């Protein structure tokens, strides 16, 4: 039995073509998009709540509580992404430890909770807004770092279950910069006077768009974790490999 359903497809098939056994491309993208929509909405509402309850510029313990609310919202984002990704990956890797995947994903996203998701509250504290190029550059940089760290942490959870776990690091390093760019652009759109409902709606839309980007890019790399067939046509012209799904030393 192969580690991935794609291993049973004809080798001239691209990933997900015709519906992969166990997990299709559309399902993977939908899982990522749904998770980001839930997570971004939670993060935005938490940030907006801290603004309403504690004021625009809390100090001392109030500032700590405001940060805690924002981080909590970010952890929800990580937990949602980890849980839904794991539910899909279990169709491909039955022995995946879903709890561990969820924990490392939540931890990987939690540290960034006070940056991009927090901005979705619309509380800029100033009339000046950063230029779009500055926003995108910051997003790309943060995304590259976060993607590498998160990809490495997630790869550790499957290192004995797939032949090429380190390719997941590359997948996330490539996927998260454009994903964060979408998040940052959405985050800098609302003004401080926007009502919570409007901010939450924008956050949900932003999450769907960002999650779709994440799902498309990481989904493209998923079959390469199974290995070979000329190293998946030199990463990735895409023919599925022939992993066996057993533990790999």
C-alpha atoms as a PDB file:
ATOM      1  CA  UNK A   1       0.000   0.000   0.000  1.00  0.00           C
ATOM      2  CA  UNK A   2       1.423   3.351  -0.930  1.00  0.00           C
ATOM      3  CA  UNK A   3       1.652   6.293   1.426  1.00  0.00           C
ATOM      4  CA  UNK A   4      -0.289   8.423  -1.044  1.00  0.00           C
ATOM      5  CA  UNK A   5      -3.326   7.675  -3.153  1.00  0.00           C
ATOM      6  CA  UNK A   6      -1.559   9.236  -6.147  1.00  0.00           C
ATOM      7  CA  UNK A   7       0.756   6.224  -6.288  1.00  0.00           C
ATOM      8  CA  UNK A   8      -2.032   4.184  -7.832  1.00  0.00           C
ATOM      9  CA  UNK A   9      -2.664   6.609 -10.652  1.00  0.00           C
ATOM     10  CA  UNK A  10      -1.113   6.294 -14.096  1.00  0.00           C
ATOM     11  CA  UNK A  11       2.301   7.898 -14.027  1.00  0.00           C
ATOM     12  CA  UNK A  12       1.353  10.349 -16.762  1.00  0.00           C
ATOM     13  CA  UNK A  13      -1.255  11.914 -14.470  1.00  0.00           C
ATOM     14  CA  UNK A  14      -0.610  15.201 -12.771  1.00  0.00           C
ATOM     15  CA  UNK A  15      -1.446  15.318  -9.036  1.00  0.00           C
ATOM     16  CA  UNK A  16      -5.142  15.262  -8.226  1.00  0.00           C
ATOM     17  CA  UNK A  17      -6.087  14.679 -11.877  1.00  0.00           C
ATOM     18  CA  UNK A  18      -9.308  12.739 -12.080  1.00  0.00           C
ATOM     19  CA  UNK A  19      -9.664  12.783  -8.294  1.00  0.00           C
ATOM     20  CA  UNK A  20      -6.944  11.301  -6.145  1.00  0.00           C
ATOM     21  CA  UNK A  21      -7.824   8.274  -4.086  1.00  0.00           C
ATOM     22  CA  UNK A  22      -8.369   9.544  -0.571  1.00  0.00           C
ATOM     23  CA  UNK A  23      -7.659  13.249  -1.049  1.00  0.00           C
ATOM     24  CA  UNK A  24      -8.368  15.403  -4.071  1.00  0.00           C
ATOM     25  CA  UNK A  25      -6.738  18.708  -4.861  1.00  0.00           C
ATOM     26  CA  UNK A  26     -10.024  20.535  -4.520  1.00  0.00           C
ATOM     27  CA  UNK A  27     -10.603  19.041  -1.086  1.00  0.00           C
ATOM     28  CA  UNK A  28      -7.115  20.007   0.111  1.00  0.00           C
ATOM     29  CA  UNK A  29      -7.563  23.573  -1.117  1.00  0.00           C
ATOM     30  CA  UNK A  30     -11.020  23.751   0.481  1.00  0.00           C
ATOM     31  CA  UNK A  31      -9.617  22.534   3.810  1.00  0.00           C
ATOM     32  CA  UNK A  32      -6.867  25.185   3.791  1.00  0.00           C
ATOM     33  CA  UNK A  33      -9.270  27.935   2.710  1.00  0.00           C
ATOM     34  CA  UNK A  34     -11.855  26.989   5.350  1.00  0.00           C
ATOM     35  CA  UNK A  35      -9.240  26.878   8.088  1.00  0.00           C
ATOM     36  CA  UNK A  36      -7.819  30.277   7.197  1.00  0.00           C
ATOM     37  CA  UNK A  37     -11.313  31.804   6.970  1.00  0.00           C
ATOM     38  CA  UNK A  38     -12.141  30.569  10.470  1.00  0.00           C
ATOM     39  CA  UNK A  39      -8.745  31.499  11.857  1.00  0.00           C
ATOM     40  CA  UNK A  40      -8.513  34.958  10.337  1.00  0.00           C
ATOM     41  CA  UNK A  41     -12.021  35.803  11.470  1.00  0.00           C
ATOM     42  CA  UNK A  42     -11.225  34.718  15.015  1.00  0.00           C
ATOM     43  CA  UNK A  43      -7.968  36.685  15.024  1.00  0.00           C
ATOM     44  CA  UNK A  44      -9.661  39.800  13.683  1.00  0.00           C
ATOM     45  CA  UNK A  45     -12.513  39.648  16.181  1.00  0.00           C
ATOM     46  CA  UNK A  46     -10.045  39.108  19.037  1.00  0.00           C
ATOM     47  CA  UNK A  47      -8.022  42.133  17.948  1.00  0.00           C
ATOM     48  CA  UNK A  48     -11.122  44.265  17.541  1.00  0.00           C
ATOM     49  CA  UNK A  49     -12.379  43.133  20.947  1.00  0.00           C
ATOM     50  CA  UNK A  50      -9.121  44.196  22.570  1.00  0.00           C
ATOM     51  CA  UNK A  51      -9.511  47.590  20.915  1.00  0.00           C
ATOM     52  CA  UNK A  52     -13.057  48.083  22.218  1.00  0.00           C
ATOM     53  CA  UNK A  53     -12.477  46.743  25.729  1.00  0.00           C
ATOM     54  CA  UNK A  54      -9.070  48.188  26.441  1.00  0.00           C
ATOM     55  CA  UNK A  55      -8.923  51.292  24.264  1.00  0.00           C
ATOM     56  CA  UNK A  56      -6.740  52.194  21.326  1.00  0.00           C
ATOM     57  CA  UNK A  57      -3.408  52.313  23.195  1.00  0.00           C
ATOM     58  CA  UNK A  58      -3.534  50.162  26.348  1.00  0.00           C
ATOM     59  CA  UNK A  59      -0.611  50.272  28.760  1.00  0.00           C
ATOM     60  CA  UNK A  60       0.845  48.020  31.396  1.00  0.00           C
ATOM     61  CA  UNK A  61      -1.358  45.064  32.291  1.00  0.00           C
ATOM     62  CA  UNK A  62      -3.993  46.294  29.855  1.00  0.00           C
ATOM     63  CA  UNK A  63      -1.452  46.055  27.040  1.00  0.00           C
ATOM     64  CA  UNK A  64      -0.539  42.523  28.131  1.00  0.00           C
ATOM     65  CA  UNK A  65      -4.202  41.515  28.140  1.00  0.00           C
ATOM     66  CA  UNK A  66      -4.719  43.075  24.707  1.00  0.00           C
ATOM     67  CA  UNK A  67      -1.765  41.123  23.355  1.00  0.00           C
ATOM     68  CA  UNK A  68      -3.089  37.955  24.977  1.00  0.00           C
ATOM     69  CA  UNK A  69      -6.431  38.375  23.216  1.00  0.00           C
ATOM     70  CA  UNK A  70      -4.730  38.827  19.855  1.00  0.00           C
ATOM     71  CA  UNK A  71      -2.409  35.853  20.377  1.00  0.00           C
ATOM     72  CA  UNK A  72      -5.398  33.731  21.400  1.00  0.00           C
ATOM     73  CA  UNK A  73      -7.065  34.631  18.122  1.00  0.00           C
ATOM     74  CA  UNK A  74      -3.905  33.672  16.251  1.00  0.00           C
ATOM     75  CA  UNK A  75      -3.747  30.330  18.051  1.00  0.00           C
ATOM     76  CA  UNK A  76      -7.294  29.647  16.880  1.00  0.00           C
ATOM     77  CA  UNK A  77      -6.053  30.219  13.326  1.00  0.00           C
ATOM     78  CA  UNK A  78      -3.198  27.757  13.832  1.00  0.00           C
ATOM     79  CA  UNK A  79      -5.437  25.185  15.490  1.00  0.00           C
ATOM     80  CA  UNK A  80      -8.021  25.414  12.703  1.00  0.00           C
ATOM     81  CA  UNK A  81      -5.378  25.041   9.998  1.00  0.00           C
ATOM     82  CA  UNK A  82      -3.658  22.182  11.817  1.00  0.00           C
ATOM     83  CA  UNK A  83      -6.891  20.298  12.469  1.00  0.00           C
ATOM     84  CA  UNK A  84      -8.268  20.576   8.940  1.00  0.00           C
ATOM     85  CA  UNK A  85      -4.932  19.841   7.255  1.00  0.00           C
ATOM     86  CA  UNK A  86      -4.507  16.781   9.459  1.00  0.00           C
ATOM     87  CA  UNK A  87      -7.993  15.533   8.636  1.00  0.00           C
ATOM     88  CA  UNK A  88      -7.068  15.596   4.945  1.00  0.00           C
ATOM     89  CA  UNK A  89      -3.573  14.183   5.346  1.00  0.00           C
ATOM     90  CA  UNK A  90      -4.853  11.202   7.308  1.00  0.00           C
ATOM     91  CA  UNK A  91      -6.446  10.051   4.053  1.00  0.00           C
ATOM     92  CA  UNK A  92      -2.968   9.894   2.540  1.00  0.00           C
ATOM     93  CA  UNK A  93      -0.893   9.044   5.612  1.00  0.00           C
ATOM     94  CA  UNK A  94      -3.088   6.890   7.876  1.00  0.00           C
ATOM     95  CA  UNK A  95      -0.467   6.813  10.637  1.00  0.00           C
ATOM     96  CA  UNK A  96      -0.203  10.590  10.865  1.00  0.00           C
ATOM     97  CA  UNK A  97      -0.332  11.842  14.442  1.00  0.00           C
ATOM     98  CA  UNK A  98      -3.090  14.412  14.051  1.00  0.00           C
ATOM     99  CA  UNK A  99      -2.672  15.852  17.535  1.00  0.00           C
ATOM    100  CA  UNK A 100       1.028  16.504  17.025  1.00  0.00           C
ATOM    101  CA  UNK A 101       0.383  18.086  13.616  1.00  0.00           C
ATOM    102  CA  UNK A 102      -2.250  20.357  15.170  1.00  0.00           C
ATOM    103  CA  UNK A 103       0.021  21.401  18.047  1.00  0.00           C
ATOM    104  CA  UNK A 104       3.046  22.267  15.908  1.00  0.00           C
ATOM    105  CA  UNK A 105       0.871  24.161  13.418  1.00  0.00           C
ATOM    106  CA  UNK A 106      -0.814  26.187  16.142  1.00  0.00           C
ATOM    107  CA  UNK A 107       2.542  26.953  17.741  1.00  0.00           C
ATOM    108  CA  UNK A 108       4.082  27.891  14.400  1.00  0.00           C
ATOM    109  CA  UNK A 109       1.356  30.414  13.628  1.00  0.00           C
ATOM    110  CA  UNK A 110       0.814  31.678  17.165  1.00  0.00           C
ATOM    111  CA  UNK A 111       4.025  33.711  17.357  1.00  0.00           C
ATOM    112  CA  UNK A 112       2.939  35.783  14.365  1.00  0.00           C
ATOM    113  CA  UNK A 113      -0.537  36.432  15.769  1.00  0.00           C
ATOM    114  CA  UNK A 114       0.249  39.953  16.954  1.00  0.00           C
ATOM    115  CA  UNK A 115       1.402  41.111  13.516  1.00  0.00           C
ATOM    116  CA  UNK A 116      -0.733  40.433  10.428  1.00  0.00           C
ATOM    117  CA  UNK A 117      -3.943  39.185  12.101  1.00  0.00           C
ATOM    118  CA  UNK A 118      -3.816  41.973  14.656  1.00  0.00           C
ATOM    119  CA  UNK A 119      -3.813  44.615  11.965  1.00  0.00           C
ATOM    120  CA  UNK A 120      -7.209  43.356  10.800  1.00  0.00           C
ATOM    121  CA  UNK A 121      -8.744  45.186  13.729  1.00  0.00           C
ATOM    122  CA  UNK A 122      -8.200  48.362  11.729  1.00  0.00           C
ATOM    123  CA  UNK A 123      -6.602  50.150  14.695  1.00  0.00           C
ATOM    124  CA  UNK A 124      -3.701  51.853  13.007  1.00  0.00           C
ATOM    125  CA  UNK A 125      -3.273  54.560  15.649  1.00  0.00           C
ATOM    126  CA  UNK A 126      -2.214  56.968  12.929  1.00  0.00           C
ATOM    127  CA  UNK A 127      -3.528  58.598   9.797  1.00  0.00           C
ATOM    128  CA  UNK A 128      -0.399  57.477   7.957  1.00  0.00           C
ATOM    129  CA  UNK A 129      -0.633  54.148   6.191  1.00  0.00           C
ATOM    130  CA  UNK A 130       2.287  52.062   4.933  1.00  0.00           C
ATOM    131  CA  UNK A 131       2.847  51.988   1.187  1.00  0.00           C
ATOM    132  CA  UNK A 132       1.590  48.867  -0.554  1.00  0.00           C
ATOM    133  CA  UNK A 133       5.117  47.874  -1.575  1.00  0.00           C
ATOM    134  CA  UNK A 134       6.257  48.080   2.055  1.00  0.00           C
ATOM    135  CA  UNK A 135       3.311  45.957   3.157  1.00  0.00           C
ATOM    136  CA  UNK A 136       3.987  43.315   0.506  1.00  0.00           C
ATOM    137  CA  UNK A 137       7.733  43.270   1.218  1.00  0.00           C
ATOM    138  CA  UNK A 138       7.093  42.759   4.938  1.00  0.00           C
ATOM    139  CA  UNK A 139       4.596  40.007   4.160  1.00  0.00           C
ATOM    140  CA  UNK A 140       6.982  38.172   1.860  1.00  0.00           C
ATOM    141  CA  UNK A 141       9.773  38.304   4.414  1.00  0.00           C
ATOM    142  CA  UNK A 142       7.611  37.141   7.303  1.00  0.00           C
ATOM    143  CA  UNK A 143       6.040  34.462   5.130  1.00  0.00           C
ATOM    144  CA  UNK A 144       9.392  33.020   4.083  1.00  0.00           C
ATOM    145  CA  UNK A 145      10.620  32.778   7.670  1.00  0.00           C
ATOM    146  CA  UNK A 146       7.349  31.453   9.045  1.00  0.00           C
ATOM    147  CA  UNK A 147       6.961  29.009   6.165  1.00  0.00           C
ATOM    148  CA  UNK A 148      10.410  27.535   6.704  1.00  0.00           C
ATOM    149  CA  UNK A 149       9.898  27.189  10.466  1.00  0.00           C
ATOM    150  CA  UNK A 150       6.371  25.828  10.180  1.00  0.00           C
ATOM    151  CA  UNK A 151       7.310  23.489   7.326  1.00  0.00           C
ATOM    152  CA  UNK A 152      10.225  22.095   9.322  1.00  0.00           C
ATOM    153  CA  UNK A 153       8.047  21.513  12.376  1.00  0.00           C
ATOM    154  CA  UNK A 154       5.345  19.775  10.343  1.00  0.00           C
ATOM    155  CA  UNK A 155       7.917  17.722   8.429  1.00  0.00           C
ATOM    156  CA  UNK A 156       9.236  16.385  11.726  1.00  0.00           C
ATOM    157  CA  UNK A 157       5.846  14.823  12.438  1.00  0.00           C
ATOM    158  CA  UNK A 158       5.955  12.753   9.234  1.00  0.00           C
ATOM    159  CA  UNK A 159       9.674  12.115   8.911  1.00  0.00           C
ATOM    160  CA  UNK A 160       9.262   8.353   9.510  1.00  0.00           C
ATOM    161  CA  UNK A 161       6.118   8.039   7.451  1.00  0.00           C
ATOM    162  CA  UNK A 162       7.132   9.438   4.049  1.00  0.00           C
ATOM    163  CA  UNK A 163      10.333   9.058   2.021  1.00  0.00           C
ATOM    164  CA  UNK A 164      10.920  12.787   1.375  1.00  0.00           C
ATOM    165  CA  UNK A 165       9.649  14.799   4.377  1.00  0.00           C
ATOM    166  CA  UNK A 166      12.092  17.679   3.840  1.00  0.00           C
ATOM    167  CA  UNK A 167      10.251  18.644   0.665  1.00  0.00           C
ATOM    168  CA  UNK A 168       7.451  19.867   2.891  1.00  0.00           C
ATOM    169  CA  UNK A 169       9.824  22.542   4.200  1.00  0.00           C
ATOM    170  CA  UNK A 170      10.388  23.746   0.645  1.00  0.00           C
ATOM    171  CA  UNK A 171       6.652  23.649  -0.053  1.00  0.00           C
ATOM    172  CA  UNK A 172       5.819  25.881   2.909  1.00  0.00           C
ATOM    173  CA  UNK A 173       8.755  28.220   2.316  1.00  0.00           C
ATOM    174  CA  UNK A 174       7.380  28.860  -1.169  1.00  0.00           C
ATOM    175  CA  UNK A 175       3.687  28.862  -0.194  1.00  0.00           C
ATOM    176  CA  UNK A 176       3.639  31.198   2.798  1.00  0.00           C
ATOM    177  CA  UNK A 177       5.151  34.382   1.278  1.00  0.00           C
ATOM    178  CA  UNK A 178       2.276  34.868  -1.224  1.00  0.00           C
ATOM    179  CA  UNK A 179      -0.178  33.679   1.414  1.00  0.00           C
ATOM    180  CA  UNK A 180       1.053  36.308   3.871  1.00  0.00           C
ATOM    181  CA  UNK A 181       0.979  38.932   1.118  1.00  0.00           C
ATOM    182  CA  UNK A 182      -2.744  38.281   0.671  1.00  0.00           C
ATOM    183  CA  UNK A 183      -3.247  38.458   4.451  1.00  0.00           C
ATOM    184  CA  UNK A 184      -1.304  41.713   4.817  1.00  0.00           C
ATOM    185  CA  UNK A 185      -3.107  43.404   1.943  1.00  0.00           C
ATOM    186  CA  UNK A 186      -6.442  42.447   3.476  1.00  0.00           C
ATOM    187  CA  UNK A 187      -5.218  43.480   6.906  1.00  0.00           C
ATOM    188  CA  UNK A 188      -4.295  47.001   5.877  1.00  0.00           C
ATOM    189  CA  UNK A 189      -7.597  47.658   4.103  1.00  0.00           C
ATOM    190  CA  UNK A 190      -9.993  48.453   7.002  1.00  0.00           C
ATOM    191  CA  UNK A 191      -9.891  51.794   8.771  1.00  0.00           C
ATOM    192  CA  UNK A 192     -10.092  52.217  12.533  1.00  0.00           C
ATOM    193  CA  UNK A 193     -13.760  53.208  12.397  1.00  0.00           C
ATOM    194  CA  UNK A 194     -14.934  50.028  10.702  1.00  0.00           C
ATOM    195  CA  UNK A 195     -17.494  48.072  12.758  1.00  0.00           C
ATOM    196  CA  UNK A 196     -16.588  44.624  14.054  1.00  0.00           C
ATOM    197  CA  UNK A 197     -18.968  42.907  11.630  1.00  0.00           C
ATOM    198  CA  UNK A 198     -17.317  44.535   8.621  1.00  0.00           C
ATOM    199  CA  UNK A 199     -13.822  43.720   9.892  1.00  0.00           C
ATOM    200  CA  UNK A 200     -14.835  40.106  10.511  1.00  0.00           C
ATOM    201  CA  UNK A 201     -16.348  39.820   7.028  1.00  0.00           C
ATOM    202  CA  UNK A 202     -13.190  41.168   5.417  1.00  0.00           C
ATOM    203  CA  UNK A 203     -11.101  38.808   7.543  1.00  0.00           C
ATOM    204  CA  UNK A 204     -13.161  35.821   6.363  1.00  0.00           C
ATOM    205  CA  UNK A 205     -12.762  36.817   2.716  1.00  0.00           C
ATOM    206  CA  UNK A 206      -9.050  37.410   3.239  1.00  0.00           C
ATOM    207  CA  UNK A 207      -8.738  34.008   4.908  1.00  0.00           C
ATOM    208  CA  UNK A 208     -10.468  32.239   2.035  1.00  0.00           C
ATOM    209  CA  UNK A 209      -8.170  33.896  -0.502  1.00  0.00           C
ATOM    210  CA  UNK A 210      -5.033  33.277   1.548  1.00  0.00           C
ATOM    211  CA  UNK A 211      -5.980  29.678   2.288  1.00  0.00           C
ATOM    212  CA  UNK A 212      -6.655  29.037  -1.385  1.00  0.00           C
ATOM    213  CA  UNK A 213      -3.155  30.229  -2.272  1.00  0.00           C
ATOM    214  CA  UNK A 214      -1.697  28.081   0.504  1.00  0.00           C
ATOM    215  CA  UNK A 215      -3.678  25.045  -0.606  1.00  0.00           C
ATOM    216  CA  UNK A 216      -2.721  25.374  -4.270  1.00  0.00           C
ATOM    217  CA  UNK A 217       1.013  25.694  -3.635  1.00  0.00           C
ATOM    218  CA  UNK A 218       1.368  23.098  -0.878  1.00  0.00           C
ATOM    219  CA  UNK A 219      -0.992  20.755  -2.726  1.00  0.00           C
ATOM    220  CA  UNK A 220       1.327  20.877  -5.718  1.00  0.00           C
ATOM    221  CA  UNK A 221       4.152  19.523  -3.545  1.00  0.00           C
ATOM    222  CA  UNK A 222       2.220  16.885  -1.592  1.00  0.00           C
ATOM    223  CA  UNK A 223       2.753  14.051  -4.098  1.00  0.00           C
ATOM    224  CA  UNK A 224       6.527  14.633  -4.120  1.00  0.00           C
ATOM    225  CA  UNK A 225       6.758  13.536  -0.482  1.00  0.00           C
ATOM    226  CA  UNK A 226       6.131  10.027  -1.775  1.00  0.00           C
ATOM    227  CA  UNK A 227       9.424  10.129  -3.652  1.00  0.00           C
ATOM    228  CA  UNK A 228      11.098   8.851  -6.782  1.00  0.00           C
ATOM    229  CA  UNK A 229       9.854   8.484 -10.381  1.00  0.00           C
ATOM    230  CA  UNK A 230      12.979  10.401 -11.291  1.00  0.00           C
ATOM    231  CA  UNK A 231      12.527  12.366  -8.091  1.00  0.00           C
ATOM    232  CA  UNK A 232       9.073  13.389  -9.214  1.00  0.00           C
ATOM    233  CA  UNK A 233      10.414  14.691 -12.477  1.00  0.00           C
ATOM    234  CA  UNK A 234      12.976  16.979 -10.990  1.00  0.00           C
ATOM    235  CA  UNK A 235      10.639  18.649  -8.525  1.00  0.00           C
ATOM    236  CA  UNK A 236       8.141  19.060  -9.921  1.00  0.00           C
ATOM    237  CA  UNK A 237       7.122  18.164 -13.425  1.00  0.00           C
ATOM    238  CA  UNK A 238       4.969  15.753 -11.496  1.00  0.00           C
ATOM    239  CA  UNK A 239       4.802  12.088 -11.782  1.00  0.00           C
ATOM    240  CA  UNK A 240       3.872  10.358  -8.595  1.00  0.00           C
ATOM    241  CA  UNK A 241       6.451   8.269  -6.834  1.00  0.00           C
ATOM    242  CA  UNK A 242       6.267   4.889  -5.225  1.00  0.00           C
ATOM    243  CA  UNK A 243       6.580   5.246  -1.480  1.00  0.00           C
ATOM    244  CA  UNK A 244       5.408   2.307   0.625  1.00  0.00           C
ATOM    245  CA  UNK A 245       3.816   4.092   3.563  1.00  0.00           C
ATOM    246  CA  UNK A 246       5.946   2.274   6.125  1.00  0.00           C
ATOM    247  CA  UNK A 247       8.371   3.800   8.572  1.00  0.00           C
ATOM    248  CA  UNK A 248      11.501   5.205   7.012  1.00  0.00           C
ATOM    249  CA  UNK A 249      14.700   5.226   9.058  1.00  0.00           C
END
